[in-house]
């Protein structure tokens, strides 16, 4: 069964974030993960969420945990 990771956060260092994304994407793919959502512009229904939302899908919970 597929497993999902949902993250919502603010970026405080744009230059560092670009390097982080470039480094982390290959690790997601190497573990069989897919990026379903990644970016800004989410519309919150309640609360005060961060500016970036990411949703990752992995084939299994074990693959997600291994990542």
PDB file of N, CA and C in Angstrom:
ATOM      1  N   UNK A   1       0.836  -1.175   0.000  1.00  0.00           N
ATOM      2  CA  UNK A   1       0.000   0.000   0.000  1.00  0.00           C
ATOM      3  C   UNK A   1       0.884   1.244   0.000  1.00  0.00           C
ATOM      4  N   UNK A   2       0.514   2.230  -0.771  1.00  0.00           N
ATOM      5  CA  UNK A   2       1.285   3.470  -0.859  1.00  0.00           C
ATOM      6  C   UNK A   2       1.292   4.201   0.475  1.00  0.00           C
ATOM      7  N   UNK A   3       2.371   4.921   0.707  1.00  0.00           N
ATOM      8  CA  UNK A   3       2.502   5.772   1.893  1.00  0.00           C
ATOM      9  C   UNK A   3       2.897   7.162   1.437  1.00  0.00           C
ATOM     10  N   UNK A   4       2.444   8.144   2.191  1.00  0.00           N
ATOM     11  CA  UNK A   4       2.634   9.537   1.809  1.00  0.00           C
ATOM     12  C   UNK A   4       3.325  10.311   2.914  1.00  0.00           C
ATOM     13  N   UNK A   5       4.178  11.237   2.515  1.00  0.00           N
ATOM     14  CA  UNK A   5       4.785  12.184   3.438  1.00  0.00           C
ATOM     15  C   UNK A   5       4.269  13.561   3.039  1.00  0.00           C
ATOM     16  N   UNK A   6       3.723  14.279   4.006  1.00  0.00           N
ATOM     17  CA  UNK A   6       3.227  15.629   3.764  1.00  0.00           C
ATOM     18  C   UNK A   6       4.029  16.574   4.645  1.00  0.00           C
ATOM     19  N   UNK A   7       4.642  17.571   4.031  1.00  0.00           N
ATOM     20  CA  UNK A   7       5.439  18.548   4.768  1.00  0.00           C
ATOM     21  C   UNK A   7       4.968  19.944   4.402  1.00  0.00           C
ATOM     22  N   UNK A   8       4.975  20.820   5.387  1.00  0.00           N
ATOM     23  CA  UNK A   8       4.615  22.212   5.177  1.00  0.00           C
ATOM     24  C   UNK A   8       5.583  23.047   5.995  1.00  0.00           C
ATOM     25  N   UNK A   9       6.289  23.968   5.354  1.00  0.00           N
ATOM     26  CA  UNK A   9       7.351  24.685   6.051  1.00  0.00           C
ATOM     27  C   UNK A   9       7.634  26.021   5.380  1.00  0.00           C
ATOM     28  N   UNK A  10       8.416  26.832   6.053  1.00  0.00           N
ATOM     29  CA  UNK A  10       8.908  28.094   5.511  1.00  0.00           C
ATOM     30  C   UNK A  10      10.374  27.941   5.132  1.00  0.00           C
ATOM     31  N   UNK A  11      10.778  28.642   4.094  1.00  0.00           N
ATOM     32  CA  UNK A  11      12.172  28.651   3.657  1.00  0.00           C
ATOM     33  C   UNK A  11      12.792  29.964   4.133  1.00  0.00           C
ATOM     34  N   UNK A  12      13.866  29.847   4.894  1.00  0.00           N
ATOM     35  CA  UNK A  12      14.543  31.027   5.426  1.00  0.00           C
ATOM     36  C   UNK A  12      15.845  31.353   4.701  1.00  0.00           C
ATOM     37  N   UNK A  13      16.309  30.427   3.839  1.00  0.00           N
ATOM     38  CA  UNK A  13      17.570  30.610   3.125  1.00  0.00           C
ATOM     39  C   UNK A  13      17.367  30.126   1.689  1.00  0.00           C
ATOM     40  N   UNK A  14      16.996  31.039   0.803  1.00  0.00           N
ATOM     41  CA  UNK A  14      16.669  30.664  -0.577  1.00  0.00           C
ATOM     42  C   UNK A  14      17.826  29.995  -1.309  1.00  0.00           C
ATOM     43  N   UNK A  15      19.027  30.508  -1.142  1.00  0.00           N
ATOM     44  CA  UNK A  15      20.191  29.913  -1.813  1.00  0.00           C
ATOM     45  C   UNK A  15      20.443  28.498  -1.316  1.00  0.00           C
ATOM     46  N   UNK A  16      20.407  28.320  -0.025  1.00  0.00           N
ATOM     47  CA  UNK A  16      20.606  27.000   0.556  1.00  0.00           C
ATOM     48  C   UNK A  16      19.496  26.040   0.183  1.00  0.00           C
ATOM     49  N   UNK A  17      18.282  26.550   0.070  1.00  0.00           N
ATOM     50  CA  UNK A  17      17.137  25.704  -0.274  1.00  0.00           C
ATOM     51  C   UNK A  17      17.284  25.140  -1.680  1.00  0.00           C
ATOM     52  N   UNK A  18      17.759  25.949  -2.610  1.00  0.00           N
ATOM     53  CA  UNK A  18      17.969  25.453  -3.976  1.00  0.00           C
ATOM     54  C   UNK A  18      18.955  24.298  -4.006  1.00  0.00           C
ATOM     55  N   UNK A  19      20.021  24.419  -3.230  1.00  0.00           N
ATOM     56  CA  UNK A  19      21.013  23.343  -3.157  1.00  0.00           C
ATOM     57  C   UNK A  19      20.415  22.107  -2.486  1.00  0.00           C
ATOM     58  N   UNK A  20      19.596  22.323  -1.461  1.00  0.00           N
ATOM     59  CA  UNK A  20      18.949  21.210  -0.766  1.00  0.00           C
ATOM     60  C   UNK A  20      18.032  20.442  -1.716  1.00  0.00           C
ATOM     61  N   UNK A  21      17.209  21.163  -2.451  1.00  0.00           N
ATOM     62  CA  UNK A  21      16.285  20.503  -3.382  1.00  0.00           C
ATOM     63  C   UNK A  21      17.060  19.693  -4.417  1.00  0.00           C
ATOM     64  N   UNK A  22      18.108  20.271  -4.961  1.00  0.00           N
ATOM     65  CA  UNK A  22      18.918  19.566  -5.956  1.00  0.00           C
ATOM     66  C   UNK A  22      19.526  18.285  -5.387  1.00  0.00           C
ATOM     67  N   UNK A  23      19.863  18.302  -4.106  1.00  0.00           N
ATOM     68  CA  UNK A  23      20.468  17.125  -3.476  1.00  0.00           C
ATOM     69  C   UNK A  23      19.435  16.089  -3.060  1.00  0.00           C
ATOM     70  N   UNK A  24      18.258  16.521  -2.620  1.00  0.00           N
ATOM     71  CA  UNK A  24      17.291  15.581  -2.052  1.00  0.00           C
ATOM     72  C   UNK A  24      16.440  14.868  -3.107  1.00  0.00           C
ATOM     73  N   UNK A  25      16.152  15.520  -4.223  1.00  0.00           N
ATOM     74  CA  UNK A  25      15.288  14.892  -5.236  1.00  0.00           C
ATOM     75  C   UNK A  25      15.835  13.543  -5.703  1.00  0.00           C
ATOM     76  N   UNK A  26      17.120  13.411  -6.016  1.00  0.00           N
ATOM     77  CA  UNK A  26      17.626  12.094  -6.431  1.00  0.00           C
ATOM     78  C   UNK A  26      17.454  11.014  -5.350  1.00  0.00           C
ATOM     79  N   UNK A  27      17.493  11.400  -4.066  1.00  0.00           N
ATOM     80  CA  UNK A  27      17.313  10.397  -3.014  1.00  0.00           C
ATOM     81  C   UNK A  27      15.871   9.917  -2.953  1.00  0.00           C
ATOM     82  N   UNK A  28      14.942  10.816  -3.231  1.00  0.00           N
ATOM     83  CA  UNK A  28      13.524  10.428  -3.270  1.00  0.00           C
ATOM     84  C   UNK A  28      13.309   9.426  -4.395  1.00  0.00           C
ATOM     85  N   UNK A  29      13.802   9.759  -5.572  1.00  0.00           N
ATOM     86  CA  UNK A  29      13.650   8.887  -6.743  1.00  0.00           C
ATOM     87  C   UNK A  29      14.333   7.545  -6.514  1.00  0.00           C
ATOM     88  N   UNK A  30      15.501   7.553  -5.901  1.00  0.00           N
ATOM     89  CA  UNK A  30      16.243   6.314  -5.649  1.00  0.00           C
ATOM     90  C   UNK A  30      15.483   5.361  -4.739  1.00  0.00           C
ATOM     91  N   UNK A  31      14.584   5.899  -3.925  1.00  0.00           N
ATOM     92  CA  UNK A  31      13.776   5.062  -3.028  1.00  0.00           C
ATOM     93  C   UNK A  31      12.385   4.792  -3.593  1.00  0.00           C
ATOM     94  N   UNK A  32      12.209   5.076  -4.876  1.00  0.00           N
ATOM     95  CA  UNK A  32      10.936   4.793  -5.529  1.00  0.00           C
ATOM     96  C   UNK A  32       9.861   5.816  -5.242  1.00  0.00           C
ATOM     97  N   UNK A  33      10.259   6.971  -4.741  1.00  0.00           N
ATOM     98  CA  UNK A  33       9.288   8.001  -4.404  1.00  0.00           C
ATOM     99  C   UNK A  33       8.941   8.889  -5.581  1.00  0.00           C
ATOM    100  N   UNK A  34       7.764   9.508  -5.472  1.00  0.00           N
ATOM    101  CA  UNK A  34       7.310  10.476  -6.469  1.00  0.00           C
ATOM    102  C   UNK A  34       6.943  11.758  -5.752  1.00  0.00           C
ATOM    103  N   UNK A  35       7.240  12.870  -6.369  1.00  0.00           N
ATOM    104  CA  UNK A  35       6.824  14.166  -5.838  1.00  0.00           C
ATOM    105  C   UNK A  35       5.471  14.484  -6.460  1.00  0.00           C
ATOM    106  N   UNK A  36       4.440  14.489  -5.626  1.00  0.00           N
ATOM    107  CA  UNK A  36       3.092  14.775  -6.117  1.00  0.00           C
ATOM    108  C   UNK A  36       2.786  16.263  -6.086  1.00  0.00           C
ATOM    109  N   UNK A  37       3.262  16.929  -5.053  1.00  0.00           N
ATOM    110  CA  UNK A  37       3.054  18.371  -4.887  1.00  0.00           C
ATOM    111  C   UNK A  37       4.340  18.949  -4.332  1.00  0.00           C
ATOM    112  N   UNK A  38       4.773  20.076  -4.867  1.00  0.00           N
ATOM    113  CA  UNK A  38       5.931  20.779  -4.313  1.00  0.00           C
ATOM    114  C   UNK A  38       5.859  22.227  -4.756  1.00  0.00           C
ATOM    115  N   UNK A  39       5.651  23.100  -3.798  1.00  0.00           N
ATOM    116  CA  UNK A  39       5.641  24.506  -4.165  1.00  0.00           C
ATOM    117  C   UNK A  39       4.902  25.382  -3.191  1.00  0.00           C
ATOM    118  N   UNK A  40       4.752  26.613  -3.601  1.00  0.00           N
ATOM    119  CA  UNK A  40       4.071  27.611  -2.798  1.00  0.00           C
ATOM    120  C   UNK A  40       2.658  27.806  -3.323  1.00  0.00           C
ATOM    121  N   UNK A  41       1.903  28.583  -2.602  1.00  0.00           N
ATOM    122  CA  UNK A  41       0.580  28.947  -3.102  1.00  0.00           C
ATOM    123  C   UNK A  41      -0.567  28.092  -2.606  1.00  0.00           C
ATOM    124  N   UNK A  42      -0.342  27.282  -1.580  1.00  0.00           N
ATOM    125  CA  UNK A  42      -1.442  26.500  -1.024  1.00  0.00           C
ATOM    126  C   UNK A  42      -2.478  27.445  -0.413  1.00  0.00           C
ATOM    127  N   UNK A  43      -3.714  27.018  -0.410  1.00  0.00           N
ATOM    128  CA  UNK A  43      -4.779  27.797   0.214  1.00  0.00           C
ATOM    129  C   UNK A  43      -5.158  27.128   1.526  1.00  0.00           C
ATOM    130  N   UNK A  44      -4.799  27.737   2.651  1.00  0.00           N
ATOM    131  CA  UNK A  44      -5.112  27.106   3.941  1.00  0.00           C
ATOM    132  C   UNK A  44      -6.603  27.178   4.256  1.00  0.00           C
ATOM    133  N   UNK A  45      -7.102  26.126   4.838  1.00  0.00           N
ATOM    134  CA  UNK A  45      -8.485  26.093   5.309  1.00  0.00           C
ATOM    135  C   UNK A  45      -8.581  26.608   6.738  1.00  0.00           C
ATOM    136  N   UNK A  46      -7.511  26.394   7.506  1.00  0.00           N
ATOM    137  CA  UNK A  46      -7.462  26.920   8.864  1.00  0.00           C
ATOM    138  C   UNK A  46      -6.018  26.946   9.333  1.00  0.00           C
ATOM    139  N   UNK A  47      -5.751  27.691  10.369  1.00  0.00           N
ATOM    140  CA  UNK A  47      -4.401  27.771  10.904  1.00  0.00           C
ATOM    141  C   UNK A  47      -3.526  28.706  10.097  1.00  0.00           C
ATOM    142  N   UNK A  48      -2.242  28.632  10.358  1.00  0.00           N
ATOM    143  CA  UNK A  48      -1.257  29.504   9.716  1.00  0.00           C
ATOM    144  C   UNK A  48      -0.104  28.650   9.185  1.00  0.00           C
ATOM    145  N   UNK A  49      -0.332  27.943   8.076  1.00  0.00           N
ATOM    146  CA  UNK A  49       0.703  27.034   7.571  1.00  0.00           C
ATOM    147  C   UNK A  49       1.888  27.779   6.979  1.00  0.00           C
ATOM    148  N   UNK A  50       2.984  27.042   6.784  1.00  0.00           N
ATOM    149  CA  UNK A  50       4.170  27.591   6.152  1.00  0.00           C
ATOM    150  C   UNK A  50       3.930  27.865   4.682  1.00  0.00           C
ATOM    151  N   UNK A  51       4.924  28.415   4.038  1.00  0.00           N
ATOM    152  CA  UNK A  51       4.783  28.840   2.654  1.00  0.00           C
ATOM    153  C   UNK A  51       4.977  27.769   1.605  1.00  0.00           C
ATOM    154  N   UNK A  52       5.595  26.655   1.958  1.00  0.00           N
ATOM    155  CA  UNK A  52       5.882  25.590   0.990  1.00  0.00           C
ATOM    156  C   UNK A  52       5.181  24.310   1.441  1.00  0.00           C
ATOM    157  N   UNK A  53       4.509  23.665   0.516  1.00  0.00           N
ATOM    158  CA  UNK A  53       3.885  22.370   0.796  1.00  0.00           C
ATOM    159  C   UNK A  53       4.481  21.332  -0.144  1.00  0.00           C
ATOM    160  N   UNK A  54       4.817  20.178   0.428  1.00  0.00           N
ATOM    161  CA  UNK A  54       5.365  19.066  -0.351  1.00  0.00           C
ATOM    162  C   UNK A  54       4.591  17.807   0.015  1.00  0.00           C
ATOM    163  N   UNK A  55       4.186  17.053  -1.005  1.00  0.00           N
ATOM    164  CA  UNK A  55       3.559  15.746  -0.793  1.00  0.00           C
ATOM    165  C   UNK A  55       4.340  14.731  -1.613  1.00  0.00           C
ATOM    166  N   UNK A  56       4.869  13.724  -0.923  1.00  0.00           N
ATOM    167  CA  UNK A  56       5.621  12.655  -1.573  1.00  0.00           C
ATOM    168  C   UNK A  56       4.837  11.359  -1.462  1.00  0.00           C
ATOM    169  N   UNK A  57       4.930  10.530  -2.493  1.00  0.00           N
ATOM    170  CA  UNK A  57       4.304   9.207  -2.479  1.00  0.00           C
ATOM    171  C   UNK A  57       5.388   8.155  -2.642  1.00  0.00           C
ATOM    172  N   UNK A  58       5.354   7.149  -1.781  1.00  0.00           N
ATOM    173  CA  UNK A  58       6.242   6.000  -1.877  1.00  0.00           C
ATOM    174  C   UNK A  58       5.389   4.747  -2.037  1.00  0.00           C
ATOM    175  N   UNK A  59       5.924   3.732  -2.690  1.00  0.00           N
ATOM    176  CA  UNK A  59       5.152   2.522  -2.964  1.00  0.00           C
ATOM    177  C   UNK A  59       4.719   1.808  -1.690  1.00  0.00           C
ATOM    178  N   UNK A  60       5.571   1.858  -0.662  1.00  0.00           N
ATOM    179  CA  UNK A  60       5.268   1.185   0.604  1.00  0.00           C
ATOM    180  C   UNK A  60       5.725   2.049   1.773  1.00  0.00           C
ATOM    181  N   UNK A  61       5.250   1.735   2.955  1.00  0.00           N
ATOM    182  CA  UNK A  61       5.696   2.421   4.150  1.00  0.00           C
ATOM    183  C   UNK A  61       7.187   2.135   4.400  1.00  0.00           C
ATOM    184  N   UNK A  62       7.595   0.933   4.083  1.00  0.00           N
ATOM    185  CA  UNK A  62       9.007   0.562   4.261  1.00  0.00           C
ATOM    186  C   UNK A  62       9.911   1.419   3.375  1.00  0.00           C
ATOM    187  N   UNK A  63       9.479   1.680   2.141  1.00  0.00           N
ATOM    188  CA  UNK A  63      10.269   2.529   1.241  1.00  0.00           C
ATOM    189  C   UNK A  63      10.351   3.953   1.772  1.00  0.00           C
ATOM    190  N   UNK A  64       9.249   4.443   2.308  1.00  0.00           N
ATOM    191  CA  UNK A  64       9.248   5.787   2.902  1.00  0.00           C
ATOM    192  C   UNK A  64      10.190   5.850   4.084  1.00  0.00           C
ATOM    193  N   UNK A  65      10.121   4.850   4.944  1.00  0.00           N
ATOM    194  CA  UNK A  65      10.996   4.832   6.140  1.00  0.00           C
ATOM    195  C   UNK A  65      12.458   4.665   5.749  1.00  0.00           C
ATOM    196  N   UNK A  66      12.720   3.902   4.680  1.00  0.00           N
ATOM    197  CA  UNK A  66      14.104   3.716   4.238  1.00  0.00           C
ATOM    198  C   UNK A  66      14.670   5.021   3.689  1.00  0.00           C
ATOM    199  N   UNK A  67      13.806   5.838   3.095  1.00  0.00           N
ATOM    200  CA  UNK A  67      14.256   7.116   2.579  1.00  0.00           C
ATOM    201  C   UNK A  67      14.688   8.000   3.715  1.00  0.00           C
TER     202      UNK A  67
END
